[in-house]
Amino acid sequence: MTTFDKREEGFERKFALDEEQKFKAEARRDKLLGLWVADKLGLSGDAAAAYAKEVVIADLEEAGDDDVVRKVTKDLTDKGINLPETELRAKMAEFYAQAVQEVKAGT
């Protein structure tokens, strides 16, 4: 194996690790968001945990965050709760930053 091959393999491993950490952070963000929204919906305990799982699964529908925003906005609207999209996306960014730190820390 040449030095170039070793270097390429190293870059590939780093890319795979970065993508895995990004996926884990996004899933954790979605869980945190789901728990936050569940509280707004009046859910607690197992119902809140189940709702958080629904939010995580919703994020797998398509690339990007729009699928999560649509689900959460619809669920809130159905309960008569008006949450501006800007506030929702700000919370998502806040939870993502928290999730990245948790994933890096291994918690």
PDB file of N, CA and C in Angstrom:
ATOM      1  N   MET A   1       0.854  -1.173   0.000  1.00  0.00           N
ATOM      2  CA  MET A   1       0.000   0.000   0.000  1.00  0.00           C
ATOM      3  C   MET A   1       0.902   1.239   0.000  1.00  0.00           C
ATOM      4  N   THR A   2       0.635   2.141  -0.900  1.00  0.00           N
ATOM      5  CA  THR A   2       1.449   3.348  -1.010  1.00  0.00           C
ATOM      6  C   THR A   2       0.990   4.381   0.018  1.00  0.00           C
ATOM      7  N   THR A   3       1.814   5.379   0.189  1.00  0.00           N
ATOM      8  CA  THR A   3       1.472   6.478   1.093  1.00  0.00           C
ATOM      9  C   THR A   3       0.183   7.156   0.649  1.00  0.00           C
ATOM     10  N   PHE A   4       0.040   7.295  -0.670  1.00  0.00           N
ATOM     11  CA  PHE A   4      -1.181   7.912  -1.201  1.00  0.00           C
ATOM     12  C   PHE A   4      -2.407   7.078  -0.840  1.00  0.00           C
ATOM     13  N   ASP A   5      -2.294   5.754  -0.972  1.00  0.00           N
ATOM     14  CA  ASP A   5      -3.412   4.866  -0.631  1.00  0.00           C
ATOM     15  C   ASP A   5      -3.766   4.969   0.850  1.00  0.00           C
ATOM     16  N   LYS A   6      -2.733   5.012   1.700  1.00  0.00           N
ATOM     17  CA  LYS A   6      -2.970   5.131   3.140  1.00  0.00           C
ATOM     18  C   LYS A   6      -3.652   6.453   3.471  1.00  0.00           C
ATOM     19  N   ARG A   7      -3.192   7.495   2.822  1.00  0.00           N
ATOM     20  CA  ARG A   7      -3.782   8.813   3.061  1.00  0.00           C
ATOM     21  C   ARG A   7      -5.249   8.832   2.605  1.00  0.00           C
ATOM     22  N   GLU A   8      -5.508   8.259   1.431  1.00  0.00           N
ATOM     23  CA  GLU A   8      -6.876   8.204   0.919  1.00  0.00           C
ATOM     24  C   GLU A   8      -7.770   7.405   1.870  1.00  0.00           C
ATOM     25  N   GLU A   9      -7.261   6.286   2.356  1.00  0.00           N
ATOM     26  CA  GLU A   9      -8.020   5.458   3.291  1.00  0.00           C
ATOM     27  C   GLU A   9      -8.317   6.229   4.577  1.00  0.00           C
ATOM     28  N   GLY A  10      -7.346   6.998   5.031  1.00  0.00           N
ATOM     29  CA  GLY A  10      -7.545   7.821   6.228  1.00  0.00           C
ATOM     30  C   GLY A  10      -8.635   8.860   6.029  1.00  0.00           C
ATOM     31  N   PHE A  11      -8.626   9.512   4.865  1.00  0.00           N
ATOM     32  CA  PHE A  11      -9.664  10.501   4.559  1.00  0.00           C
ATOM     33  C   PHE A  11     -11.042   9.843   4.487  1.00  0.00           C
ATOM     34  N   GLU A  12     -11.090   8.649   3.898  1.00  0.00           N
ATOM     35  CA  GLU A  12     -12.365   7.937   3.798  1.00  0.00           C
ATOM     36  C   GLU A  12     -12.900   7.565   5.175  1.00  0.00           C
ATOM     37  N   ARG A  13     -12.019   7.111   6.064  1.00  0.00           N
ATOM     38  CA  ARG A  13     -12.434   6.770   7.423  1.00  0.00           C
ATOM     39  C   ARG A  13     -12.929   8.002   8.173  1.00  0.00           C
ATOM     40  N   LYS A  14     -12.210   9.106   8.005  1.00  0.00           N
ATOM     41  CA  LYS A  14     -12.610  10.359   8.667  1.00  0.00           C
ATOM     42  C   LYS A  14     -13.972  10.811   8.152  1.00  0.00           C
ATOM     43  N   PHE A  15     -14.175  10.740   6.845  1.00  0.00           N
ATOM     44  CA  PHE A  15     -15.456  11.135   6.266  1.00  0.00           C
ATOM     45  C   PHE A  15     -16.581  10.268   6.821  1.00  0.00           C
ATOM     46  N   ALA A  16     -16.356   8.956   6.879  1.00  0.00           N
ATOM     47  CA  ALA A  16     -17.378   8.037   7.392  1.00  0.00           C
ATOM     48  C   ALA A  16     -17.690   8.343   8.859  1.00  0.00           C
ATOM     49  N   LEU A  17     -16.666   8.607   9.652  1.00  0.00           N
ATOM     50  CA  LEU A  17     -16.866   8.937  11.063  1.00  0.00           C
ATOM     51  C   LEU A  17     -17.631  10.249  11.209  1.00  0.00           C
ATOM     52  N   ASP A  18     -17.252  11.247  10.416  1.00  0.00           N
ATOM     53  CA  ASP A  18     -17.944  12.543  10.460  1.00  0.00           C
ATOM     54  C   ASP A  18     -19.418  12.390  10.102  1.00  0.00           C
ATOM     55  N   GLU A  19     -19.707  11.600   9.072  1.00  0.00           N
ATOM     56  CA  GLU A  19     -21.096  11.385   8.659  1.00  0.00           C
ATOM     57  C   GLU A  19     -21.882  10.639   9.740  1.00  0.00           C
ATOM     58  N   GLU A  20     -21.250   9.668  10.371  1.00  0.00           N
ATOM     59  CA  GLU A  20     -21.909   8.922  11.442  1.00  0.00           C
ATOM     60  C   GLU A  20     -22.224   9.841  12.621  1.00  0.00           C
ATOM     61  N   GLN A  21     -21.265  10.692  12.982  1.00  0.00           N
ATOM     62  CA  GLN A  21     -21.495  11.620  14.090  1.00  0.00           C
ATOM     63  C   GLN A  21     -22.580  12.638  13.742  1.00  0.00           C
ATOM     64  N   LYS A  22     -22.603  13.082  12.492  1.00  0.00           N
ATOM     65  CA  LYS A  22     -23.637  14.020  12.055  1.00  0.00           C
ATOM     66  C   LYS A  22     -25.010  13.358  12.159  1.00  0.00           C
ATOM     67  N   PHE A  23     -25.117  12.115  11.704  1.00  0.00           N
ATOM     68  CA  PHE A  23     -26.381  11.378  11.777  1.00  0.00           C
ATOM     69  C   PHE A  23     -26.836  11.227  13.228  1.00  0.00           C
ATOM     70  N   LYS A  24     -25.912  10.843  14.104  1.00  0.00           N
ATOM     71  CA  LYS A  24     -26.252  10.676  15.517  1.00  0.00           C
ATOM     72  C   LYS A  24     -26.689  11.997  16.139  1.00  0.00           C
ATOM     73  N   ALA A  25     -25.988  13.079  15.789  1.00  0.00           N
ATOM     74  CA  ALA A  25     -26.340  14.394  16.331  1.00  0.00           C
ATOM     75  C   ALA A  25     -27.715  14.837  15.843  1.00  0.00           C
ATOM     76  N   GLU A  26     -28.014  14.591  14.581  1.00  0.00           N
ATOM     77  CA  GLU A  26     -29.335  14.968  14.055  1.00  0.00           C
ATOM     78  C   GLU A  26     -30.441  14.153  14.715  1.00  0.00           C
ATOM     79  N   ALA A  27     -30.194  12.872  14.926  1.00  0.00           N
ATOM     80  CA  ALA A  27     -31.195  12.031  15.597  1.00  0.00           C
ATOM     81  C   ALA A  27     -31.398  12.491  17.038  1.00  0.00           C
ATOM     82  N   ARG A  28     -30.315  12.837  17.703  1.00  0.00           N
ATOM     83  CA  ARG A  28     -30.424  13.323  19.081  1.00  0.00           C
ATOM     84  C   ARG A  28     -31.137  14.670  19.118  1.00  0.00           C
ATOM     85  N   ARG A  29     -30.828  15.531  18.150  1.00  0.00           N
ATOM     86  CA  ARG A  29     -31.517  16.822  18.052  1.00  0.00           C
ATOM     87  C   ARG A  29     -33.013  16.601  17.892  1.00  0.00           C
ATOM     88  N   ASP A  30     -33.374  15.681  17.019  1.00  0.00           N
ATOM     89  CA  ASP A  30     -34.785  15.403  16.777  1.00  0.00           C
ATOM     90  C   ASP A  30     -35.470  14.878  18.039  1.00  0.00           C
ATOM     91  N   LYS A  31     -34.766  14.056  18.799  1.00  0.00           N
ATOM     92  CA  LYS A  31     -35.334  13.545  20.049  1.00  0.00           C
ATOM     93  C   LYS A  31     -35.553  14.689  21.037  1.00  0.00           C
ATOM     94  N   LEU A  32     -34.547  15.551  21.177  1.00  0.00           N
ATOM     95  CA  LEU A  32     -34.683  16.697  22.080  1.00  0.00           C
ATOM     96  C   LEU A  32     -35.825  17.607  21.639  1.00  0.00           C
ATOM     97  N   LEU A  33     -35.906  17.848  20.338  1.00  0.00           N
ATOM     98  CA  LEU A  33     -36.985  18.670  19.798  1.00  0.00           C
ATOM     99  C   LEU A  33     -38.333  18.008  20.064  1.00  0.00           C
ATOM    100  N   GLY A  34     -38.399  16.705  19.833  1.00  0.00           N
ATOM    101  CA  GLY A  34     -39.638  15.975  20.062  1.00  0.00           C
ATOM    102  C   GLY A  34     -40.099  16.054  21.506  1.00  0.00           C
ATOM    103  N   LEU A  35     -39.166  15.962  22.436  1.00  0.00           N
ATOM    104  CA  LEU A  35     -39.521  16.066  23.854  1.00  0.00           C
ATOM    105  C   LEU A  35     -39.993  17.477  24.193  1.00  0.00           C
ATOM    106  N   TRP A  36     -39.353  18.473  23.593  1.00  0.00           N
ATOM    107  CA  TRP A  36     -39.737  19.872  23.818  1.00  0.00           C
ATOM    108  C   TRP A  36     -41.144  20.133  23.281  1.00  0.00           C
ATOM    109  N   VAL A  37     -41.405  19.653  22.068  1.00  0.00           N
ATOM    110  CA  VAL A  37     -42.728  19.836  21.462  1.00  0.00           C
ATOM    111  C   VAL A  37     -43.771  19.021  22.231  1.00  0.00           C
ATOM    112  N   ALA A  38     -43.402  17.824  22.655  1.00  0.00           N
ATOM    113  CA  ALA A  38     -44.332  16.989  23.425  1.00  0.00           C
ATOM    114  C   ALA A  38     -44.811  17.735  24.664  1.00  0.00           C
ATOM    115  N   ASP A  39     -43.904  18.442  25.316  1.00  0.00           N
ATOM    116  CA  ASP A  39     -44.279  19.232  26.486  1.00  0.00           C
ATOM    117  C   ASP A  39     -45.300  20.302  26.107  1.00  0.00           C
ATOM    118  N   LYS A  40     -45.082  20.959  24.979  1.00  0.00           N
ATOM    119  CA  LYS A  40     -46.022  21.981  24.497  1.00  0.00           C
ATOM    120  C   LYS A  40     -47.383  21.359  24.168  1.00  0.00           C
ATOM    121  N   LEU A  41     -47.361  20.103  23.739  1.00  0.00           N
ATOM    122  CA  LEU A  41     -48.602  19.397  23.397  1.00  0.00           C
ATOM    123  C   LEU A  41     -49.291  18.803  24.629  1.00  0.00           C
ATOM    124  N   GLY A  42     -48.637  18.945  25.783  1.00  0.00           N
ATOM    125  CA  GLY A  42     -49.218  18.413  27.012  1.00  0.00           C
ATOM    126  C   GLY A  42     -48.939  16.940  27.237  1.00  0.00           C
ATOM    127  N   LEU A  43     -47.954  16.404  26.538  1.00  0.00           N
ATOM    128  CA  LEU A  43     -47.593  14.990  26.683  1.00  0.00           C
ATOM    129  C   LEU A  43     -46.485  14.846  27.718  1.00  0.00           C
ATOM    130  N   SER A  44     -46.472  13.722  28.407  1.00  0.00           N
ATOM    131  CA  SER A  44     -45.398  13.449  29.360  1.00  0.00           C
ATOM    132  C   SER A  44     -45.151  11.946  29.421  1.00  0.00           C
ATOM    133  N   GLY A  45     -44.078  11.584  30.073  1.00  0.00           N
ATOM    134  CA  GLY A  45     -43.754  10.176  30.260  1.00  0.00           C
ATOM    135  C   GLY A  45     -43.610   9.406  28.965  1.00  0.00           C
ATOM    136  N   ASP A  46     -44.257   8.244  28.915  1.00  0.00           N
ATOM    137  CA  ASP A  46     -44.164   7.372  27.743  1.00  0.00           C
ATOM    138  C   ASP A  46     -44.727   8.028  26.486  1.00  0.00           C
ATOM    139  N   ALA A  47     -45.774   8.824  26.646  1.00  0.00           N
ATOM    140  CA  ALA A  47     -46.374   9.500  25.488  1.00  0.00           C
ATOM    141  C   ALA A  47     -45.394  10.503  24.888  1.00  0.00           C
ATOM    142  N   ALA A  48     -44.661  11.207  25.745  1.00  0.00           N
ATOM    143  CA  ALA A  48     -43.663  12.165  25.259  1.00  0.00           C
ATOM    144  C   ALA A  48     -42.519  11.433  24.562  1.00  0.00           C
ATOM    145  N   ALA A  49     -42.075  10.327  25.143  1.00  0.00           N
ATOM    146  CA  ALA A  49     -40.999   9.541  24.532  1.00  0.00           C
ATOM    147  C   ALA A  49     -41.435   8.981  23.182  1.00  0.00           C
ATOM    148  N   ALA A  50     -42.672   8.518  23.099  1.00  0.00           N
ATOM    149  CA  ALA A  50     -43.192   7.987  21.832  1.00  0.00           C
ATOM    150  C   ALA A  50     -43.274   9.091  20.784  1.00  0.00           C
ATOM    151  N   TYR A  51     -43.697  10.273  21.193  1.00  0.00           N
ATOM    152  CA  TYR A  51     -43.771  11.391  20.247  1.00  0.00           C
ATOM    153  C   TYR A  51     -42.369  11.759  19.755  1.00  0.00           C
ATOM    154  N   ALA A  52     -41.400  11.772  20.662  1.00  0.00           N
ATOM    155  CA  ALA A  52     -40.022  12.088  20.274  1.00  0.00           C
ATOM    156  C   ALA A  52     -39.521  11.087  19.231  1.00  0.00           C
ATOM    157  N   LYS A  53     -39.869   9.816  19.389  1.00  0.00           N
ATOM    158  CA  LYS A  53     -39.486   8.798  18.400  1.00  0.00           C
ATOM    159  C   LYS A  53     -40.132   9.084  17.052  1.00  0.00           C
ATOM    160  N   GLU A  54     -41.384   9.538  17.075  1.00  0.00           N
ATOM    161  CA  GLU A  54     -42.063   9.887  15.823  1.00  0.00           C
ATOM    162  C   GLU A  54     -41.325  11.008  15.094  1.00  0.00           C
ATOM    163  N   VAL A  55     -40.824  11.968  15.858  1.00  0.00           N
ATOM    164  CA  VAL A  55     -40.089  13.087  15.251  1.00  0.00           C
ATOM    165  C   VAL A  55     -38.784  12.581  14.637  1.00  0.00           C
ATOM    166  N   VAL A  56     -38.087  11.704  15.345  1.00  0.00           N
ATOM    167  CA  VAL A  56     -36.842  11.129  14.813  1.00  0.00           C
ATOM    168  C   VAL A  56     -37.132  10.389  13.508  1.00  0.00           C
ATOM    169  N   ILE A  57     -38.182   9.598  13.487  1.00  0.00           N
ATOM    170  CA  ILE A  57     -38.546   8.836  12.285  1.00  0.00           C
ATOM    171  C   ILE A  57     -38.956   9.762  11.149  1.00  0.00           C
ATOM    172  N   ALA A  58     -39.642  10.842  11.486  1.00  0.00           N
ATOM    173  CA  ALA A  58     -40.073  11.801  10.456  1.00  0.00           C
ATOM    174  C   ALA A  58     -38.878  12.388   9.716  1.00  0.00           C
ATOM    175  N   ASP A  59     -37.744  12.520  10.413  1.00  0.00           N
ATOM    176  CA  ASP A  59     -36.563  13.111   9.782  1.00  0.00           C
ATOM    177  C   ASP A  59     -35.940  12.185   8.751  1.00  0.00           C
ATOM    178  N   LEU A  60     -36.335  10.940   8.734  1.00  0.00           N
ATOM    179  CA  LEU A  60     -35.778   9.985   7.776  1.00  0.00           C
ATOM    180  C   LEU A  60     -36.531   9.986   6.451  1.00  0.00           C
ATOM    181  N   GLU A  61     -37.624  10.747   6.372  1.00  0.00           N
ATOM    182  CA  GLU A  61     -38.446  10.755   5.168  1.00  0.00           C
ATOM    183  C   GLU A  61     -37.752  11.383   3.967  1.00  0.00           C
ATOM    184  N   GLU A  62     -37.018  12.462   4.197  1.00  0.00           N
ATOM    185  CA  GLU A  62     -36.325  13.151   3.102  1.00  0.00           C
ATOM    186  C   GLU A  62     -35.108  13.869   3.662  1.00  0.00           C
ATOM    187  N   ALA A  63     -34.218  14.251   2.783  1.00  0.00           N
ATOM    188  CA  ALA A  63     -33.024  14.972   3.208  1.00  0.00           C
ATOM    189  C   ALA A  63     -33.415  16.356   3.710  1.00  0.00           C
ATOM    190  N   GLY A  64     -32.667  16.845   4.676  1.00  0.00           N
ATOM    191  CA  GLY A  64     -32.933  18.178   5.201  1.00  0.00           C
ATOM    192  C   GLY A  64     -33.887  18.143   6.382  1.00  0.00           C
ATOM    193  N   ASP A  65     -34.232  19.331   6.852  1.00  0.00           N
ATOM    194  CA  ASP A  65     -35.043  19.463   8.054  1.00  0.00           C
ATOM    195  C   ASP A  65     -36.517  19.734   7.781  1.00  0.00           C
ATOM    196  N   ASP A  66     -36.874  19.948   6.529  1.00  0.00           N
ATOM    197  CA  ASP A  66     -38.244  20.351   6.217  1.00  0.00           C
ATOM    198  C   ASP A  66     -39.280  19.323   6.652  1.00  0.00           C
ATOM    199  N   ASP A  67     -38.934  18.039   6.589  1.00  0.00           N
ATOM    200  CA  ASP A  67     -39.882  17.004   6.999  1.00  0.00           C
ATOM    201  C   ASP A  67     -40.203  17.102   8.494  1.00  0.00           C
ATOM    202  N   VAL A  68     -39.192  17.407   9.287  1.00  0.00           N
ATOM    203  CA  VAL A  68     -39.395  17.567  10.729  1.00  0.00           C
ATOM    204  C   VAL A  68     -40.232  18.814  11.003  1.00  0.00           C
ATOM    205  N   VAL A  69     -39.882  19.902  10.333  1.00  0.00           N
ATOM    206  CA  VAL A  69     -40.620  21.154  10.520  1.00  0.00           C
ATOM    207  C   VAL A  69     -42.093  20.960  10.166  1.00  0.00           C
ATOM    208  N   ARG A  70     -42.353  20.286   9.052  1.00  0.00           N
ATOM    209  CA  ARG A  70     -43.742  20.039   8.640  1.00  0.00           C
ATOM    210  C   ARG A  70     -44.507  19.231   9.690  1.00  0.00           C
ATOM    211  N   LYS A  71     -43.897  18.152  10.160  1.00  0.00           N
ATOM    212  CA  LYS A  71     -44.575  17.291  11.134  1.00  0.00           C
ATOM    213  C   LYS A  71     -44.888  18.052  12.414  1.00  0.00           C
ATOM    214  N   VAL A  72     -43.872  18.698  12.963  1.00  0.00           N
ATOM    215  CA  VAL A  72     -44.045  19.390  14.236  1.00  0.00           C
ATOM    216  C   VAL A  72     -45.044  20.536  14.097  1.00  0.00           C
ATOM    217  N   THR A  73     -44.930  21.298  13.020  1.00  0.00           N
ATOM    218  CA  THR A  73     -45.854  22.415  12.799  1.00  0.00           C
ATOM    219  C   THR A  73     -47.289  21.915  12.686  1.00  0.00           C
ATOM    220  N   LYS A  74     -47.487  20.829  11.942  1.00  0.00           N
ATOM    221  CA  LYS A  74     -48.839  20.264  11.794  1.00  0.00           C
ATOM    222  C   LYS A  74     -49.380  19.799  13.137  1.00  0.00           C
ATOM    223  N   ASP A  75     -48.552  19.094  13.901  1.00  0.00           N
ATOM    224  CA  ASP A  75     -49.005  18.584  15.193  1.00  0.00           C
ATOM    225  C   ASP A  75     -49.373  19.722  16.144  1.00  0.00           C
ATOM    226  N   LEU A  76     -48.561  20.774  16.149  1.00  0.00           N
ATOM    227  CA  LEU A  76     -48.861  21.922  17.004  1.00  0.00           C
ATOM    228  C   LEU A  76     -50.123  22.638  16.534  1.00  0.00           C
ATOM    229  N   THR A  77     -50.224  22.846  15.230  1.00  0.00           N
ATOM    230  CA  THR A  77     -51.391  23.529  14.667  1.00  0.00           C
ATOM    231  C   THR A  77     -52.671  22.746  14.953  1.00  0.00           C
ATOM    232  N   ASP A  78     -52.596  21.416  14.845  1.00  0.00           N
ATOM    233  CA  ASP A  78     -53.763  20.572  15.125  1.00  0.00           C
ATOM    234  C   ASP A  78     -54.257  20.736  16.566  1.00  0.00           C
ATOM    235  N   LYS A  79     -53.353  21.097  17.465  1.00  0.00           N
ATOM    236  CA  LYS A  79     -53.718  21.314  18.872  1.00  0.00           C
ATOM    237  C   LYS A  79     -53.996  22.789  19.168  1.00  0.00           C
ATOM    238  N   GLY A  80     -54.010  23.617  18.110  1.00  0.00           N
ATOM    239  CA  GLY A  80     -54.304  25.036  18.289  1.00  0.00           C
ATOM    240  C   GLY A  80     -53.141  25.848  18.817  1.00  0.00           C
ATOM    241  N   ILE A  81     -51.929  25.324  18.669  1.00  0.00           N
ATOM    242  CA  ILE A  81     -50.732  26.018  19.151  1.00  0.00           C
ATOM    243  C   ILE A  81     -50.015  26.621  17.959  1.00  0.00           C
ATOM    244  N   ASN A  82     -49.814  27.927  18.005  1.00  0.00           N
ATOM    245  CA  ASN A  82     -49.135  28.628  16.916  1.00  0.00           C
ATOM    246  C   ASN A  82     -47.685  28.880  17.318  1.00  0.00           C
ATOM    247  N   LEU A  83     -46.770  28.252  16.620  1.00  0.00           N
ATOM    248  CA  LEU A  83     -45.345  28.441  16.864  1.00  0.00           C
ATOM    249  C   LEU A  83     -44.713  28.880  15.555  1.00  0.00           C
ATOM    250  N   PRO A  84     -44.166  30.100  15.514  1.00  0.00           N
ATOM    251  CA  PRO A  84     -43.551  30.572  14.269  1.00  0.00           C
ATOM    252  C   PRO A  84     -42.416  29.644  13.821  1.00  0.00           C
ATOM    253  N   GLU A  85     -42.305  29.456  12.520  1.00  0.00           N
ATOM    254  CA  GLU A  85     -41.262  28.577  11.982  1.00  0.00           C
ATOM    255  C   GLU A  85     -39.875  29.055  12.383  1.00  0.00           C
ATOM    256  N   THR A  86     -39.686  30.372  12.467  1.00  0.00           N
ATOM    257  CA  THR A  86     -38.370  30.895  12.862  1.00  0.00           C
ATOM    258  C   THR A  86     -38.010  30.449  14.273  1.00  0.00           C
ATOM    259  N   GLU A  87     -38.986  30.445  15.169  1.00  0.00           N
ATOM    260  CA  GLU A  87     -38.731  29.996  16.538  1.00  0.00           C
ATOM    261  C   GLU A  87     -38.435  28.495  16.563  1.00  0.00           C
ATOM    262  N   LEU A  88     -39.176  27.745  15.779  1.00  0.00           N
ATOM    263  CA  LEU A  88     -38.961  26.300  15.698  1.00  0.00           C
ATOM    264  C   LEU A  88     -37.561  25.990  15.171  1.00  0.00           C
ATOM    265  N   ARG A  89     -37.175  26.661  14.105  1.00  0.00           N
ATOM    266  CA  ARG A  89     -35.842  26.420  13.532  1.00  0.00           C
ATOM    267  C   ARG A  89     -34.732  26.885  14.477  1.00  0.00           C
ATOM    268  N   ALA A  90     -34.973  27.946  15.229  1.00  0.00           N
ATOM    269  CA  ALA A  90     -33.987  28.399  16.216  1.00  0.00           C
ATOM    270  C   ALA A  90     -33.810  27.336  17.298  1.00  0.00           C
ATOM    271  N   LYS A  91     -34.919  26.737  17.738  1.00  0.00           N
ATOM    272  CA  LYS A  91     -34.843  25.663  18.729  1.00  0.00           C
ATOM    273  C   LYS A  91     -34.103  24.459  18.155  1.00  0.00           C
ATOM    274  N   MET A  92     -34.363  24.160  16.889  1.00  0.00           N
ATOM    275  CA  MET A  92     -33.664  23.043  16.245  1.00  0.00           C
ATOM    276  C   MET A  92     -32.161  23.294  16.233  1.00  0.00           C
ATOM    277  N   ALA A  93     -31.755  24.519  15.939  1.00  0.00           N
ATOM    278  CA  ALA A  93     -30.330  24.864  15.921  1.00  0.00           C
ATOM    279  C   ALA A  93     -29.736  24.753  17.323  1.00  0.00           C
ATOM    280  N   GLU A  94     -30.476  25.208  18.310  1.00  0.00           N
ATOM    281  CA  GLU A  94     -30.026  25.119  19.701  1.00  0.00           C
ATOM    282  C   GLU A  94     -29.852  23.655  20.116  1.00  0.00           C
ATOM    283  N   PHE A  95     -30.846  22.839  19.803  1.00  0.00           N
ATOM    284  CA  PHE A  95     -30.770  21.424  20.155  1.00  0.00           C
ATOM    285  C   PHE A  95     -29.672  20.705  19.368  1.00  0.00           C
ATOM    286  N   TYR A  96     -29.421  21.135  18.129  1.00  0.00           N
ATOM    287  CA  TYR A  96     -28.352  20.510  17.343  1.00  0.00           C
ATOM    288  C   TYR A  96     -26.997  20.793  17.983  1.00  0.00           C
ATOM    289  N   ALA A  97     -26.785  22.031  18.407  1.00  0.00           N
ATOM    290  CA  ALA A  97     -25.518  22.379  19.064  1.00  0.00           C
ATOM    291  C   ALA A  97     -25.328  21.538  20.325  1.00  0.00           C
ATOM    292  N   GLN A  98     -26.387  21.381  21.097  1.00  0.00           N
ATOM    293  CA  GLN A  98     -26.329  20.552  22.298  1.00  0.00           C
ATOM    294  C   GLN A  98     -26.045  19.096  21.931  1.00  0.00           C
ATOM    295  N   ALA A  99     -26.707  18.606  20.908  1.00  0.00           N
ATOM    296  CA  ALA A  99     -26.546  17.213  20.489  1.00  0.00           C
ATOM    297  C   ALA A  99     -25.130  16.935  19.997  1.00  0.00           C
ATOM    298  N   VAL A 100     -24.548  17.868  19.260  1.00  0.00           N
ATOM    299  CA  VAL A 100     -23.175  17.699  18.771  1.00  0.00           C
ATOM    300  C   VAL A 100     -22.226  17.537  19.952  1.00  0.00           C
ATOM    301  N   GLN A 101     -22.392  18.372  20.969  1.00  0.00           N
ATOM    302  CA  GLN A 101     -21.535  18.274  22.155  1.00  0.00           C
ATOM    303  C   GLN A 101     -21.728  16.934  22.862  1.00  0.00           C
ATOM    304  N   GLU A 102     -22.967  16.488  22.963  1.00  0.00           N
ATOM    305  CA  GLU A 102     -23.242  15.208  23.618  1.00  0.00           C
ATOM    306  C   GLU A 102     -22.653  14.040  22.831  1.00  0.00           C
ATOM    307  N   VAL A 103     -22.758  14.081  21.516  1.00  0.00           N
ATOM    308  CA  VAL A 103     -22.204  13.007  20.685  1.00  0.00           C
ATOM    309  C   VAL A 103     -20.685  12.990  20.806  1.00  0.00           C
ATOM    310  N   LYS A 104     -20.065  14.160  20.766  1.00  0.00           N
ATOM    311  CA  LYS A 104     -18.604  14.231  20.906  1.00  0.00           C
ATOM    312  C   LYS A 104     -18.154  13.715  22.262  1.00  0.00           C
ATOM    313  N   ALA A 105     -18.956  13.990  23.297  1.00  0.00           N
ATOM    314  CA  ALA A 105     -18.622  13.548  24.648  1.00  0.00           C
ATOM    315  C   ALA A 105     -18.955  12.071  24.863  1.00  0.00           C
ATOM    316  N   GLY A 106     -19.708  11.503  23.926  1.00  0.00           N
ATOM    317  CA  GLY A 106     -20.068  10.097  24.037  1.00  0.00           C
ATOM    318  C   GLY A 106     -21.192   9.836  25.021  1.00  0.00           C
ATOM    319  N   THR A 107     -21.985  10.875  25.290  1.00  0.00           N
ATOM    320  CA  THR A 107     -23.095  10.688  26.245  1.00  0.00           C
ATOM    321  C   THR A 107     -24.401  10.496  25.525  1.00  0.00           C
TER     322      THR A 107
END
